[in-house]
């Protein structure tokens, strides 16, 4: 069914404006038959952040911004889905056009600006599907015009704790002015202290909800040192590495489109984001697991990200070019690798290449 859907939909969607195509994809998923997905090979199961993932492949935040189709995505074979970014108040985001395909580079540039339906509507949708099971994380952000951005994150923790499998603190989008400043030492420390305190306050009613921190790939290694130190001292449950990059590799072939402002994702981000996974992994020293994001478009790319230090991976931009069949393709490749090497689980290879990667020359951007 997925192969047939990809064969029909990919050519059609690529003819449309990227944002219109995205909206059409969301609408199409609303009508996906409620078919139970095929059970994953037990070798692909991952335990992280106190949660049991049936497989390590997640839908990254940005696709289902307002929790419209998380269950449809889980039925397509994702091991988990991250909705958002959600802000307290509905937000229109930046003016269109704000989403661009770089076809020859298999990349995307976006400057969406946290457009979403707001916390109230997303909460109602998640509450309505709460009995369906599956891991659905909530990526949270601050409203652009908020006078208290840290307060926005606190409010969202309190709001979504009863329905979120985990939280992602998004302070790394390049499309909200000043947001990335929250990655800096004292500001990040205050943010995480207040977020963790909010999580603890609602724990009795909502249970123990893991809190993850999502970082930019454009941090210097000195900045990464500070971020990891704060994350460890505040006892976050994990980190997501990484968001989109504001850098533009000299190898990009779509030169005109590459001049658009916004965050670059897709294949050109793979080397930088993977290096940042490895750099983060060696600094974390096993204190918590990592989710690796950026340029995962094949089983080989997923395996590389895992060997760099990611316990789980997420993808999004690659689906624009490879279709939904990519999820099953990656799972088959990972299972084959485990069988071929005589391993029982992916945990045996997480971080196997991290030290080697951190000794290599810095990936050119």
Protein backbone atom coordinates (compact mmCIF):
# COMPACT_ATOMS: atom_id res chain seq x y z
CA UNK A 1 0.00 0.00 0.00
CA UNK A 2 2.77 2.44 0.91
CA UNK A 3 4.69 1.72 -2.29
CA UNK A 4 1.56 2.38 -4.34
CA UNK A 5 0.90 5.58 -2.40
CA UNK A 6 4.46 6.81 -2.98
CA UNK A 7 4.36 5.96 -6.68
CA UNK A 8 1.23 8.06 -7.11
CA UNK A 9 1.77 10.86 -4.62
CA UNK A 10 5.45 11.80 -4.93
CA UNK A 11 5.27 13.08 -8.53
CA UNK A 12 2.03 14.93 -7.80
CA UNK A 13 3.25 16.55 -4.59
CA UNK A 14 6.52 17.66 -6.18
CA UNK A 15 4.56 19.68 -8.77
CA UNK A 16 2.88 21.68 -6.02
CA UNK A 17 4.17 24.57 -3.95
CA UNK A 18 6.05 22.91 -1.05
CA UNK A 19 3.76 24.24 1.66
CA UNK A 20 0.63 23.34 -0.31
CA UNK A 21 2.06 19.85 -0.83
CA UNK A 22 2.68 19.53 2.90
CA UNK A 23 -0.89 20.56 3.68
CA UNK A 24 -2.20 18.03 1.14
CA UNK A 25 -0.08 15.29 2.72
CA UNK A 26 -1.55 16.03 6.15
CA UNK A 27 -5.06 15.93 4.73
CA UNK A 28 -4.32 12.65 2.94
CA UNK A 29 -3.08 11.04 6.15
CA UNK A 30 -6.36 11.92 7.84
CA UNK A 31 -8.02 9.37 5.53
CA UNK A 32 -5.45 6.61 6.00
CA UNK A 33 -7.29 3.35 6.78
CA UNK A 34 -6.95 2.33 10.45
CA UNK A 35 -4.79 -0.67 9.60
CA UNK A 36 -2.62 -2.08 12.36
CA UNK A 37 1.06 -1.85 11.33
CA UNK A 38 3.14 -4.96 10.89
CA UNK A 39 4.97 -5.86 14.10
CA UNK A 40 8.60 -4.77 14.18
CA UNK A 41 11.47 -7.19 14.61
CA UNK A 42 12.19 -7.35 18.37
CA UNK A 43 15.85 -6.65 17.59
CA UNK A 44 14.87 -3.10 16.63
CA UNK A 45 13.31 -2.31 20.01
CA UNK A 46 14.98 0.47 21.97
CA UNK A 47 14.58 1.49 25.60
CA UNK A 48 15.44 5.13 26.19
CA UNK A 49 14.26 7.91 28.54
CA UNK A 50 12.27 5.26 30.43
CA UNK A 51 10.19 4.53 27.31
CA UNK A 52 9.98 1.40 25.16
CA UNK A 53 10.26 2.21 21.45
CA UNK A 54 9.23 -0.57 19.02
CA UNK A 55 11.82 0.69 16.54
CA UNK A 56 14.29 3.61 16.50
CA UNK A 57 12.80 5.64 13.63
CA UNK A 58 10.79 8.72 14.53
CA UNK A 59 8.99 11.41 12.61
CA UNK A 60 10.76 14.65 13.47
CA UNK A 61 8.95 17.76 14.64
CA UNK A 62 7.82 20.14 11.93
CA UNK A 63 5.69 17.76 9.91
CA UNK A 64 2.68 17.43 12.23
CA UNK A 65 2.90 20.79 13.93
CA UNK A 66 -0.50 20.74 15.62
CA UNK A 67 -1.08 17.04 16.40
CA UNK A 68 -3.43 16.37 13.48
CA UNK A 69 -2.17 12.93 12.37
CA UNK A 70 0.13 11.27 14.94
CA UNK A 71 -1.74 7.96 14.86
CA UNK A 72 -1.68 7.79 11.07
CA UNK A 73 2.09 8.23 11.20
CA UNK A 74 2.46 5.50 13.82
CA UNK A 75 0.41 3.17 11.59
CA UNK A 76 2.89 3.85 8.78
CA UNK A 77 5.61 2.20 10.83
CA UNK A 78 7.29 5.00 12.74
CA UNK A 79 8.49 3.94 16.18
CA UNK A 80 7.49 7.33 17.58
CA UNK A 81 6.17 10.69 16.45
CA UNK A 82 7.11 14.16 17.65
CA UNK A 83 4.45 16.82 17.10
CA UNK A 84 5.08 20.57 17.12
CA UNK A 85 6.60 22.93 17.61
CA UNK A 86 3.59 24.05 19.64
CA UNK A 87 3.40 27.51 21.18
CA UNK A 88 0.97 28.68 23.89
CA UNK A 89 -1.03 30.90 21.53
CA UNK A 90 -1.86 30.14 17.88
CA UNK A 91 0.73 31.65 15.57
CA UNK A 92 0.67 32.32 11.83
CA UNK A 93 4.44 32.18 11.43
CA UNK A 94 6.47 34.07 8.86
CA UNK A 95 5.10 35.34 5.53
CA UNK A 96 4.93 32.96 2.56
CA UNK A 97 6.82 31.76 0.65
CA UNK A 98 8.75 30.24 3.54
CA UNK A 99 9.45 26.65 2.44
CA UNK A 100 11.75 25.77 -0.47
CA UNK A 101 12.91 22.54 -2.09
CA UNK A 102 16.49 22.23 -3.29
CA UNK A 103 15.75 19.35 -5.63
CA UNK A 104 19.23 18.56 -6.91
CA UNK A 105 20.60 18.64 -3.36
CA UNK A 106 17.72 16.62 -1.85
CA UNK A 107 17.43 19.40 0.71
CA UNK A 108 14.87 21.82 2.12
CA UNK A 109 15.14 25.37 3.43
CA UNK A 110 12.41 26.61 5.74
CA UNK A 111 11.70 29.79 7.63
CA UNK A 112 8.27 28.77 8.90
CA UNK A 113 8.46 30.59 12.23
CA UNK A 114 6.61 28.20 14.57
CA UNK A 115 3.31 28.37 12.70
CA UNK A 116 0.81 26.20 14.59
CA UNK A 117 -2.76 26.06 15.91
CA UNK A 118 -1.77 26.80 19.50
CA UNK A 119 -1.73 24.78 22.71
CA UNK A 120 -5.47 24.52 23.33
CA UNK A 121 -6.32 22.81 20.03
CA UNK A 122 -3.23 20.55 20.06
CA UNK A 123 -4.09 19.52 23.62
CA UNK A 124 -7.65 18.58 22.65
CA UNK A 125 -6.37 16.46 19.78
CA UNK A 126 -3.82 14.65 21.93
CA UNK A 127 -6.34 14.08 24.72
CA UNK A 128 -8.77 12.57 22.21
CA UNK A 129 -6.19 9.99 21.09
CA UNK A 130 -4.67 9.32 24.53
CA UNK A 131 -6.03 5.76 24.71
CA UNK A 132 -4.53 4.73 21.38
CA UNK A 133 -1.05 4.07 22.73
CA UNK A 134 2.19 4.72 20.90
CA UNK A 135 4.91 7.21 21.74
CA UNK A 136 3.99 10.79 20.83
CA UNK A 137 6.38 13.50 21.99
CA UNK A 138 5.55 17.21 22.14
CA UNK A 139 8.05 19.74 20.84
CA UNK A 140 7.46 23.08 22.56
CA UNK A 141 8.49 26.63 21.71
CA UNK A 142 7.84 30.24 22.66
CA UNK A 143 5.55 32.66 20.89
CA UNK A 144 7.46 35.20 18.83
CA UNK A 145 5.92 38.18 20.66
CA UNK A 146 6.01 36.63 24.13
CA UNK A 147 7.26 38.96 26.91
CA UNK A 148 8.37 35.89 28.88
CA UNK A 149 9.69 33.14 26.65
CA UNK A 150 10.82 30.94 29.52
CA UNK A 151 7.33 31.30 30.98
CA UNK A 152 5.93 29.96 27.71
CA UNK A 153 7.93 26.75 28.06
CA UNK A 154 6.85 26.35 31.69
CA UNK A 155 3.19 26.86 30.75
CA UNK A 156 3.44 24.25 27.98
CA UNK A 157 5.02 21.68 30.31
CA UNK A 158 2.14 22.14 32.73
CA UNK A 159 -0.41 21.98 29.91
CA UNK A 160 0.80 18.92 28.01
CA UNK A 161 2.30 16.74 30.75
CA UNK A 162 -0.79 14.48 31.01
CA UNK A 163 -0.75 13.65 27.27
CA UNK A 164 2.92 13.88 26.20
CA UNK A 165 5.14 10.80 26.05
CA UNK A 166 8.09 13.18 26.29
CA UNK A 167 8.88 16.87 25.82
CA UNK A 168 11.40 18.48 23.50
CA UNK A 169 12.60 21.92 24.51
CA UNK A 170 13.18 23.65 21.18
CA UNK A 171 15.62 26.54 21.64
CA UNK A 172 17.42 25.92 18.36
CA UNK A 173 15.07 26.99 15.56
CA UNK A 174 16.76 29.72 13.51
CA UNK A 175 13.42 31.18 12.42
CA UNK A 176 12.31 32.92 15.63
CA UNK A 177 14.53 35.96 16.28
CA UNK A 178 16.61 35.58 19.43
CA UNK A 179 15.43 32.05 20.24
CA UNK A 180 18.86 30.46 19.83
CA UNK A 181 20.19 32.80 22.54
CA UNK A 182 18.44 30.50 25.01
CA UNK A 183 21.17 27.92 24.27
CA UNK A 184 23.71 30.17 26.04
CA UNK A 185 24.97 29.16 29.50
CA UNK A 186 23.11 31.23 32.11
CA UNK A 187 19.95 31.58 30.00
CA UNK A 188 19.84 27.84 29.30
CA UNK A 189 20.46 27.04 32.94
CA UNK A 190 17.53 29.22 34.03
CA UNK A 191 15.27 27.76 31.33
CA UNK A 192 16.03 24.14 32.17
CA UNK A 193 15.78 24.79 35.91
CA UNK A 194 12.28 26.22 35.50
CA UNK A 195 11.21 23.55 33.02
CA UNK A 196 12.36 20.69 35.22
CA UNK A 197 10.72 22.34 38.24
CA UNK A 198 7.44 22.55 36.30
CA UNK A 199 7.74 18.89 35.33
CA UNK A 200 8.25 17.94 38.97
CA UNK A 201 5.23 19.99 40.09
CA UNK A 202 2.88 18.11 37.79
CA UNK A 203 4.49 14.69 38.22
CA UNK A 204 1.94 13.47 40.77
CA UNK A 205 -0.98 14.09 38.40
CA UNK A 206 0.72 13.47 35.06
CA UNK A 207 3.43 10.91 35.78
CA UNK A 208 7.11 11.16 34.92
CA UNK A 209 7.46 12.85 31.52
CA UNK A 210 10.99 12.88 30.05
CA UNK A 211 12.42 16.26 29.03
CA UNK A 212 14.80 16.45 26.05
CA UNK A 213 16.79 19.42 24.77
CA UNK A 214 17.10 20.05 21.03
CA UNK A 215 20.21 21.91 19.90
CA UNK A 216 21.50 23.59 16.76
CA UNK A 217 24.28 22.08 14.63
CA UNK A 218 25.92 25.51 14.41
CA UNK A 219 27.20 25.58 17.98
CA UNK A 220 30.94 25.85 18.46
CA UNK A 221 32.54 23.05 20.45
CA UNK A 222 33.06 25.47 23.34
CA UNK A 223 29.36 26.29 23.26
CA UNK A 224 28.54 22.58 23.09
CA UNK A 225 30.68 22.03 26.19
CA UNK A 226 28.55 24.57 28.05
CA UNK A 227 25.24 23.19 26.76
CA UNK A 228 26.08 19.61 27.75
CA UNK A 229 27.35 20.73 31.15
CA UNK A 230 24.10 22.56 31.85
CA UNK A 231 21.98 19.69 30.50
CA UNK A 232 23.77 17.21 32.72
CA UNK A 233 23.67 19.41 35.82
CA UNK A 234 19.94 20.01 35.37
CA UNK A 235 19.38 16.29 34.78
CA UNK A 236 17.55 16.44 31.49
CA UNK A 237 16.59 13.02 30.16
CA UNK A 238 18.17 13.34 26.72
CA UNK A 239 19.20 15.58 23.84
CA UNK A 240 18.18 15.81 20.19
CA UNK A 241 21.01 16.58 17.78
CA UNK A 242 20.30 18.54 15.69
CA UNK A 243 17.99 21.18 14.31
CA UNK A 244 18.46 22.81 10.89
CA UNK A 245 21.61 24.78 10.01
CA UNK A 246 21.99 28.39 8.94
CA UNK A 247 25.19 27.43 7.11
CA UNK A 248 25.23 26.85 3.34
CA UNK A 249 27.72 24.24 2.10
CA UNK A 250 29.74 25.31 -0.93
CA UNK A 251 28.70 22.05 -2.58
CA UNK A 252 25.03 23.04 -2.93
CA UNK A 253 23.97 22.90 -6.56
CA UNK A 254 20.73 24.86 -6.21
CA UNK A 255 22.64 28.12 -5.85
CA UNK A 256 19.70 30.49 -6.24
CA UNK A 257 17.47 28.64 -3.78
CA UNK A 258 20.38 28.31 -1.35
CA UNK A 259 20.28 32.10 -0.90
CA UNK A 260 16.89 31.90 0.79
CA UNK A 261 16.99 32.66 4.49
CA UNK A 262 16.08 29.94 6.95
CA UNK A 263 17.24 26.58 8.20
CA UNK A 264 18.72 24.02 5.81
CA UNK A 265 17.81 20.35 6.26
CA UNK A 266 18.14 17.16 4.26
CA UNK A 267 21.14 15.42 2.76
CA UNK A 268 23.60 18.37 2.97
CA UNK A 269 23.11 18.49 6.75
CA UNK A 270 24.08 14.86 7.28
CA UNK A 271 27.84 15.16 7.87
CA UNK A 272 27.64 18.18 10.17
CA UNK A 273 24.74 16.86 12.23
CA UNK A 274 26.36 13.43 12.54
CA UNK A 275 29.62 15.00 13.72
CA UNK A 276 27.63 16.95 16.31
CA UNK A 277 26.00 13.71 17.47
CA UNK A 278 29.45 12.21 18.02
CA UNK A 279 30.76 15.33 19.76
CA UNK A 280 27.74 15.36 22.04
CA UNK A 281 27.96 11.64 22.75
CA UNK A 282 31.54 11.81 24.01
CA UNK A 283 30.68 14.78 26.24
CA UNK A 284 27.52 13.22 27.69
CA UNK A 285 29.51 10.15 28.85
CA UNK A 286 26.43 7.95 29.06
CA UNK A 287 24.45 10.32 31.30
CA UNK A 288 21.47 10.16 28.93
CA UNK A 289 20.61 8.95 25.40
CA UNK A 290 20.61 11.01 22.20
CA UNK A 291 18.26 11.26 19.23
CA UNK A 292 20.11 11.89 15.97
CA UNK A 293 18.47 14.03 13.28
CA UNK A 294 19.68 15.47 10.00
CA UNK A 295 20.01 13.97 6.55
CA UNK A 296 18.91 10.41 7.35
CA UNK A 297 17.79 9.13 3.94
CA UNK A 298 18.82 5.45 3.91
CA UNK A 299 19.56 2.50 6.12
CA UNK A 300 23.26 3.25 5.80
CA UNK A 301 22.76 6.84 6.95
CA UNK A 302 20.68 5.66 9.91
CA UNK A 303 23.37 3.16 10.88
CA UNK A 304 26.07 5.85 10.66
CA UNK A 305 24.03 8.12 12.93
CA UNK A 306 23.57 5.31 15.46
CA UNK A 307 27.26 4.41 15.43
CA UNK A 308 28.01 8.11 16.00
CA UNK A 309 26.04 7.97 19.25
CA UNK A 310 22.30 8.16 18.56
CA UNK A 311 20.06 5.65 20.33
CA UNK A 312 17.15 6.80 18.16
CA UNK A 313 16.87 8.72 14.90
CA UNK A 314 14.35 11.06 13.35
CA UNK A 315 13.70 12.06 9.75
CA UNK A 316 11.46 14.40 7.78
CA UNK A 317 13.07 16.14 4.78
CA UNK A 318 14.16 12.86 3.19
CA UNK A 319 10.50 11.80 2.94
CA UNK A 320 9.98 14.63 0.43
CA UNK A 321 12.36 12.85 -1.96
CA UNK A 322 12.15 9.19 -0.93
CA UNK A 323 8.54 8.81 0.18
CA UNK A 324 7.02 6.99 3.15
CA UNK A 325 8.47 3.66 1.99
CA UNK A 326 11.79 4.92 3.37
CA UNK A 327 10.70 4.00 6.89
CA UNK A 328 10.34 0.28 6.12
CA UNK A 329 13.49 0.37 3.98
CA UNK A 330 15.56 1.68 6.90
CA UNK A 331 14.08 -0.88 9.29
CA UNK A 332 14.89 -3.71 6.89
CA UNK A 333 18.47 -2.49 6.49
CA UNK A 334 19.00 -2.16 10.23
CA UNK A 335 17.58 -5.64 10.87
CA UNK A 336 19.80 -7.12 8.15
CA UNK A 337 22.85 -5.46 9.68
CA UNK A 338 22.09 -6.92 13.11
CA UNK A 339 21.56 -10.39 11.67
CA UNK A 340 24.69 -10.22 9.54
CA UNK A 341 26.88 -9.11 12.45
CA UNK A 342 25.33 -11.47 15.00
CA UNK A 343 24.08 -8.74 17.30
CA UNK A 344 20.88 -8.86 19.31
CA UNK A 345 20.10 -5.15 19.52
CA UNK A 346 21.09 -1.75 18.21
CA UNK A 347 22.27 -0.73 21.68
CA UNK A 348 25.38 -2.80 21.06
CA UNK A 349 26.59 -0.39 18.38
CA UNK A 350 25.43 2.99 19.71
CA UNK A 351 28.46 5.27 19.77
CA UNK A 352 30.85 2.66 18.35
CA UNK A 353 32.39 5.22 15.98
CA UNK A 354 32.02 8.36 18.10
CA UNK A 355 35.64 8.68 19.18
CA UNK A 356 36.89 8.06 15.64
CA UNK A 357 34.52 10.68 14.18
CA UNK A 358 35.58 13.34 16.66
CA UNK A 359 39.21 12.89 15.61
CA UNK A 360 38.49 13.59 11.92
CA UNK A 361 38.74 16.95 10.18
CA UNK A 362 35.70 19.15 10.68
CA UNK A 363 33.10 18.57 7.94
CA UNK A 364 33.21 21.37 5.40
CA UNK A 365 30.19 23.64 5.22
